[in-house]
């Protein structure tokens, strides 16, 4: 039986801090968006991805890829956003196969209204505590980890324009 590749003490320390960030930051962003805008962080992300596209529309499969989420998760969130009138779905015109999610004017207005509070929370949680050099290092670290996880480059690493 092969011995597990245990983390070194330094790796364990870094992992625990990283794991804390993965818990604290998403929860804080979700809480801020829910409180101020009635949106989840993922709902905001979906609206932002749509806002960056020509015609503010994407095939559901492309939206899932750009959102780094499963098609079922995106479908569930888009259904909730549809109920609010912020997104509408329709059949793809080009081939009639698959569905397209389209950001409505009300959805765009919702995103624009939510963006200032969201970006302020992102700044206060992450960037206000870092120097410009550390921001560059963070970007390099994230790029390296994402490249290792996704050598084909299918994960979306570009932030929404509103963030």
C-alpha atoms as a PDB file:
ATOM      1  CA  UNK A   1       0.000   0.000   0.000  1.00  0.00           C
ATOM      2  CA  UNK A   2       1.324   3.420  -0.970  1.00  0.00           C
ATOM      3  CA  UNK A   3       1.810   5.985   1.781  1.00  0.00           C
ATOM      4  CA  UNK A   4      -0.383   9.087   1.302  1.00  0.00           C
ATOM      5  CA  UNK A   5       1.391  12.242   0.169  1.00  0.00           C
ATOM      6  CA  UNK A   6       0.819  14.158   3.405  1.00  0.00           C
ATOM      7  CA  UNK A   7       1.111  17.918   3.422  1.00  0.00           C
ATOM      8  CA  UNK A   8       4.251  19.437   4.855  1.00  0.00           C
ATOM      9  CA  UNK A   9       3.849  21.755   7.824  1.00  0.00           C
ATOM     10  CA  UNK A  10       4.208  24.771   5.549  1.00  0.00           C
ATOM     11  CA  UNK A  11       1.656  23.377   3.082  1.00  0.00           C
ATOM     12  CA  UNK A  12      -0.776  22.576   5.911  1.00  0.00           C
ATOM     13  CA  UNK A  13      -0.523  26.137   7.216  1.00  0.00           C
ATOM     14  CA  UNK A  14      -1.078  27.618   3.720  1.00  0.00           C
ATOM     15  CA  UNK A  15      -3.939  25.186   3.007  1.00  0.00           C
ATOM     16  CA  UNK A  16      -5.816  26.099   6.182  1.00  0.00           C
ATOM     17  CA  UNK A  17      -5.542  29.814   5.420  1.00  0.00           C
ATOM     18  CA  UNK A  18      -6.656  29.252   1.835  1.00  0.00           C
ATOM     19  CA  UNK A  19      -9.572  27.067   3.022  1.00  0.00           C
ATOM     20  CA  UNK A  20     -10.610  29.826   5.423  1.00  0.00           C
ATOM     21  CA  UNK A  21     -10.622  32.319   2.526  1.00  0.00           C
ATOM     22  CA  UNK A  22     -12.750  29.944   0.447  1.00  0.00           C
ATOM     23  CA  UNK A  23     -15.302  29.906   3.254  1.00  0.00           C
ATOM     24  CA  UNK A  24     -15.235  33.489   4.543  1.00  0.00           C
ATOM     25  CA  UNK A  25     -15.099  35.471   1.290  1.00  0.00           C
ATOM     26  CA  UNK A  26     -17.961  33.752  -0.597  1.00  0.00           C
ATOM     27  CA  UNK A  27     -20.180  33.878   2.504  1.00  0.00           C
ATOM     28  CA  UNK A  28     -19.483  37.582   3.016  1.00  0.00           C
ATOM     29  CA  UNK A  29     -20.107  38.400  -0.656  1.00  0.00           C
ATOM     30  CA  UNK A  30     -23.328  36.394  -0.623  1.00  0.00           C
ATOM     31  CA  UNK A  31     -24.517  38.134   2.547  1.00  0.00           C
ATOM     32  CA  UNK A  32     -23.778  41.604   1.140  1.00  0.00           C
ATOM     33  CA  UNK A  33     -25.510  40.928  -2.173  1.00  0.00           C
ATOM     34  CA  UNK A  34     -28.521  39.282  -0.492  1.00  0.00           C
ATOM     35  CA  UNK A  35     -28.887  42.159   1.969  1.00  0.00           C
ATOM     36  CA  UNK A  36     -28.364  45.021  -0.465  1.00  0.00           C
ATOM     37  CA  UNK A  37     -29.691  43.626  -3.754  1.00  0.00           C
ATOM     38  CA  UNK A  38     -31.661  40.427  -3.178  1.00  0.00           C
ATOM     39  CA  UNK A  39     -29.119  38.494  -5.273  1.00  0.00           C
ATOM     40  CA  UNK A  40     -26.883  35.563  -4.499  1.00  0.00           C
ATOM     41  CA  UNK A  41     -23.235  35.921  -5.432  1.00  0.00           C
ATOM     42  CA  UNK A  42     -23.671  33.269  -8.128  1.00  0.00           C
ATOM     43  CA  UNK A  43     -26.786  35.024  -9.453  1.00  0.00           C
ATOM     44  CA  UNK A  44     -24.775  38.237  -9.670  1.00  0.00           C
ATOM     45  CA  UNK A  45     -21.990  36.362 -11.468  1.00  0.00           C
ATOM     46  CA  UNK A  46     -24.453  34.956 -14.043  1.00  0.00           C
ATOM     47  CA  UNK A  47     -25.903  38.424 -14.688  1.00  0.00           C
ATOM     48  CA  UNK A  48     -22.372  39.806 -15.065  1.00  0.00           C
ATOM     49  CA  UNK A  49     -21.360  37.086 -17.538  1.00  0.00           C
ATOM     50  CA  UNK A  50     -24.432  37.849 -19.656  1.00  0.00           C
ATOM     51  CA  UNK A  51     -23.810  41.611 -19.477  1.00  0.00           C
ATOM     52  CA  UNK A  52     -20.404  41.213 -21.123  1.00  0.00           C
ATOM     53  CA  UNK A  53     -21.702  39.406 -24.203  1.00  0.00           C
ATOM     54  CA  UNK A  54     -22.848  40.957 -27.472  1.00  0.00           C
ATOM     55  CA  UNK A  55     -26.618  41.126 -27.257  1.00  0.00           C
ATOM     56  CA  UNK A  56     -26.260  40.272 -23.555  1.00  0.00           C
ATOM     57  CA  UNK A  57     -27.062  36.649 -24.369  1.00  0.00           C
ATOM     58  CA  UNK A  58     -25.315  33.265 -24.228  1.00  0.00           C
ATOM     59  CA  UNK A  59     -26.221  29.651 -24.882  1.00  0.00           C
ATOM     60  CA  UNK A  60     -26.889  27.982 -21.566  1.00  0.00           C
ATOM     61  CA  UNK A  61     -23.955  25.594 -22.112  1.00  0.00           C
ATOM     62  CA  UNK A  62     -21.601  28.526 -22.758  1.00  0.00           C
ATOM     63  CA  UNK A  63     -22.983  30.360 -19.734  1.00  0.00           C
ATOM     64  CA  UNK A  64     -22.235  27.302 -17.593  1.00  0.00           C
ATOM     65  CA  UNK A  65     -18.668  27.180 -18.921  1.00  0.00           C
ATOM     66  CA  UNK A  66     -18.121  30.923 -18.381  1.00  0.00           C
ATOM     67  CA  UNK A  67     -19.600  30.686 -14.886  1.00  0.00           C
ATOM     68  CA  UNK A  68     -17.405  27.696 -13.972  1.00  0.00           C
ATOM     69  CA  UNK A  69     -20.525  25.803 -12.925  1.00  0.00           C
ATOM     70  CA  UNK A  70     -22.510  22.753 -13.915  1.00  0.00           C
ATOM     71  CA  UNK A  71     -25.273  23.141 -16.486  1.00  0.00           C
ATOM     72  CA  UNK A  72     -27.843  22.106 -13.871  1.00  0.00           C
ATOM     73  CA  UNK A  73     -26.676  24.768 -11.397  1.00  0.00           C
ATOM     74  CA  UNK A  74     -26.811  27.447 -14.089  1.00  0.00           C
ATOM     75  CA  UNK A  75     -30.246  26.272 -15.224  1.00  0.00           C
ATOM     76  CA  UNK A  76     -31.560  26.455 -11.659  1.00  0.00           C
ATOM     77  CA  UNK A  77     -30.175  29.968 -11.113  1.00  0.00           C
ATOM     78  CA  UNK A  78     -31.396  31.203 -14.496  1.00  0.00           C
ATOM     79  CA  UNK A  79     -34.883  29.896 -13.639  1.00  0.00           C
ATOM     80  CA  UNK A  80     -34.839  32.010 -10.455  1.00  0.00           C
ATOM     81  CA  UNK A  81     -33.530  35.026 -12.355  1.00  0.00           C
ATOM     82  CA  UNK A  82     -36.314  34.513 -14.934  1.00  0.00           C
ATOM     83  CA  UNK A  83     -38.927  34.594 -12.180  1.00  0.00           C
ATOM     84  CA  UNK A  84     -37.583  38.007 -11.187  1.00  0.00           C
ATOM     85  CA  UNK A  85     -37.731  39.246 -14.780  1.00  0.00           C
ATOM     86  CA  UNK A  86     -33.960  39.716 -14.967  1.00  0.00           C
ATOM     87  CA  UNK A  87     -33.253  36.999 -17.557  1.00  0.00           C
ATOM     88  CA  UNK A  88     -35.319  35.335 -20.277  1.00  0.00           C
ATOM     89  CA  UNK A  89     -34.682  32.029 -22.017  1.00  0.00           C
ATOM     90  CA  UNK A  90     -35.462  31.141 -25.604  1.00  0.00           C
ATOM     91  CA  UNK A  91     -34.472  28.572 -28.209  1.00  0.00           C
ATOM     92  CA  UNK A  92     -31.204  29.214 -30.049  1.00  0.00           C
ATOM     93  CA  UNK A  93     -32.047  30.854 -33.380  1.00  0.00           C
ATOM     94  CA  UNK A  94     -28.975  29.560 -35.207  1.00  0.00           C
ATOM     95  CA  UNK A  95     -29.831  25.870 -35.009  1.00  0.00           C
ATOM     96  CA  UNK A  96     -32.974  25.590 -32.865  1.00  0.00           C
ATOM     97  CA  UNK A  97     -31.077  23.326 -30.493  1.00  0.00           C
ATOM     98  CA  UNK A  98     -30.364  24.358 -26.962  1.00  0.00           C
ATOM     99  CA  UNK A  99     -31.495  27.406 -25.061  1.00  0.00           C
ATOM    100  CA  UNK A 100     -30.110  30.905 -24.820  1.00  0.00           C
ATOM    101  CA  UNK A 101     -30.197  33.006 -21.663  1.00  0.00           C
ATOM    102  CA  UNK A 102     -30.630  36.698 -22.327  1.00  0.00           C
ATOM    103  CA  UNK A 103     -30.227  39.535 -19.850  1.00  0.00           C
ATOM    104  CA  UNK A 104     -33.305  41.770 -19.807  1.00  0.00           C
ATOM    105  CA  UNK A 105     -33.152  45.537 -19.362  1.00  0.00           C
ATOM    106  CA  UNK A 106     -34.461  45.029 -15.828  1.00  0.00           C
ATOM    107  CA  UNK A 107     -31.669  42.491 -15.237  1.00  0.00           C
ATOM    108  CA  UNK A 108     -29.053  44.876 -16.548  1.00  0.00           C
ATOM    109  CA  UNK A 109     -30.437  47.641 -14.328  1.00  0.00           C
ATOM    110  CA  UNK A 110     -30.336  45.235 -11.353  1.00  0.00           C
ATOM    111  CA  UNK A 111     -26.703  44.381 -12.075  1.00  0.00           C
ATOM    112  CA  UNK A 112     -25.706  48.034 -12.469  1.00  0.00           C
ATOM    113  CA  UNK A 113     -27.426  48.899  -9.175  1.00  0.00           C
ATOM    114  CA  UNK A 114     -25.781  45.974  -7.345  1.00  0.00           C
ATOM    115  CA  UNK A 115     -22.261  46.505  -8.716  1.00  0.00           C
ATOM    116  CA  UNK A 116     -21.065  49.437  -6.541  1.00  0.00           C
ATOM    117  CA  UNK A 117     -21.852  47.690  -3.250  1.00  0.00           C
ATOM    118  CA  UNK A 118     -20.429  44.415  -4.516  1.00  0.00           C
ATOM    119  CA  UNK A 119     -17.165  45.905  -5.722  1.00  0.00           C
ATOM    120  CA  UNK A 120     -16.777  47.800  -2.444  1.00  0.00           C
ATOM    121  CA  UNK A 121     -17.194  44.529  -0.534  1.00  0.00           C
ATOM    122  CA  UNK A 122     -14.650  42.788  -2.798  1.00  0.00           C
ATOM    123  CA  UNK A 123     -12.198  45.649  -2.198  1.00  0.00           C
ATOM    124  CA  UNK A 124     -12.707  45.646   1.567  1.00  0.00           C
ATOM    125  CA  UNK A 125     -12.457  41.863   1.890  1.00  0.00           C
ATOM    126  CA  UNK A 126      -9.475  41.312  -0.337  1.00  0.00           C
ATOM    127  CA  UNK A 127      -7.706  44.171  -2.034  1.00  0.00           C
ATOM    128  CA  UNK A 128      -7.604  46.803   0.716  1.00  0.00           C
ATOM    129  CA  UNK A 129      -5.327  44.501   2.699  1.00  0.00           C
ATOM    130  CA  UNK A 130      -2.836  44.006  -0.125  1.00  0.00           C
ATOM    131  CA  UNK A 131      -0.134  46.106  -1.728  1.00  0.00           C
ATOM    132  CA  UNK A 132      -0.016  46.486  -5.524  1.00  0.00           C
ATOM    133  CA  UNK A 133       2.832  43.967  -5.543  1.00  0.00           C
ATOM    134  CA  UNK A 134       0.769  41.472  -3.549  1.00  0.00           C
ATOM    135  CA  UNK A 135      -2.166  41.900  -5.969  1.00  0.00           C
ATOM    136  CA  UNK A 136       0.174  40.976  -8.837  1.00  0.00           C
ATOM    137  CA  UNK A 137       1.425  37.978  -6.822  1.00  0.00           C
ATOM    138  CA  UNK A 138      -2.144  36.897  -6.081  1.00  0.00           C
ATOM    139  CA  UNK A 139      -2.947  37.096  -9.787  1.00  0.00           C
ATOM    140  CA  UNK A 140       0.130  35.007 -10.617  1.00  0.00           C
ATOM    141  CA  UNK A 141      -0.720  32.400  -7.962  1.00  0.00           C
ATOM    142  CA  UNK A 142      -4.308  32.106  -9.135  1.00  0.00           C
ATOM    143  CA  UNK A 143      -3.169  31.821 -12.751  1.00  0.00           C
ATOM    144  CA  UNK A 144      -0.730  29.032 -11.852  1.00  0.00           C
ATOM    145  CA  UNK A 145      -3.280  27.057  -9.815  1.00  0.00           C
ATOM    146  CA  UNK A 146      -5.986  27.436 -12.479  1.00  0.00           C
ATOM    147  CA  UNK A 147      -3.558  26.377 -15.221  1.00  0.00           C
ATOM    148  CA  UNK A 148      -2.702  23.267 -13.195  1.00  0.00           C
ATOM    149  CA  UNK A 149      -6.388  22.467 -12.592  1.00  0.00           C
ATOM    150  CA  UNK A 150      -7.462  23.257 -16.133  1.00  0.00           C
ATOM    151  CA  UNK A 151      -4.673  22.750 -18.676  1.00  0.00           C
ATOM    152  CA  UNK A 152      -7.160  23.187 -21.567  1.00  0.00           C
ATOM    153  CA  UNK A 153      -8.056  26.690 -20.344  1.00  0.00           C
ATOM    154  CA  UNK A 154     -11.815  26.161 -20.185  1.00  0.00           C
ATOM    155  CA  UNK A 155     -12.232  27.765 -16.754  1.00  0.00           C
ATOM    156  CA  UNK A 156     -13.167  31.424 -16.910  1.00  0.00           C
ATOM    157  CA  UNK A 157     -10.573  33.539 -15.158  1.00  0.00           C
ATOM    158  CA  UNK A 158     -11.528  36.996 -16.384  1.00  0.00           C
ATOM    159  CA  UNK A 159     -13.615  38.965 -13.872  1.00  0.00           C
ATOM    160  CA  UNK A 160     -16.946  40.459 -14.834  1.00  0.00           C
ATOM    161  CA  UNK A 161     -16.687  44.011 -16.182  1.00  0.00           C
ATOM    162  CA  UNK A 162     -18.831  45.257 -13.297  1.00  0.00           C
ATOM    163  CA  UNK A 163     -16.452  44.003 -10.617  1.00  0.00           C
END
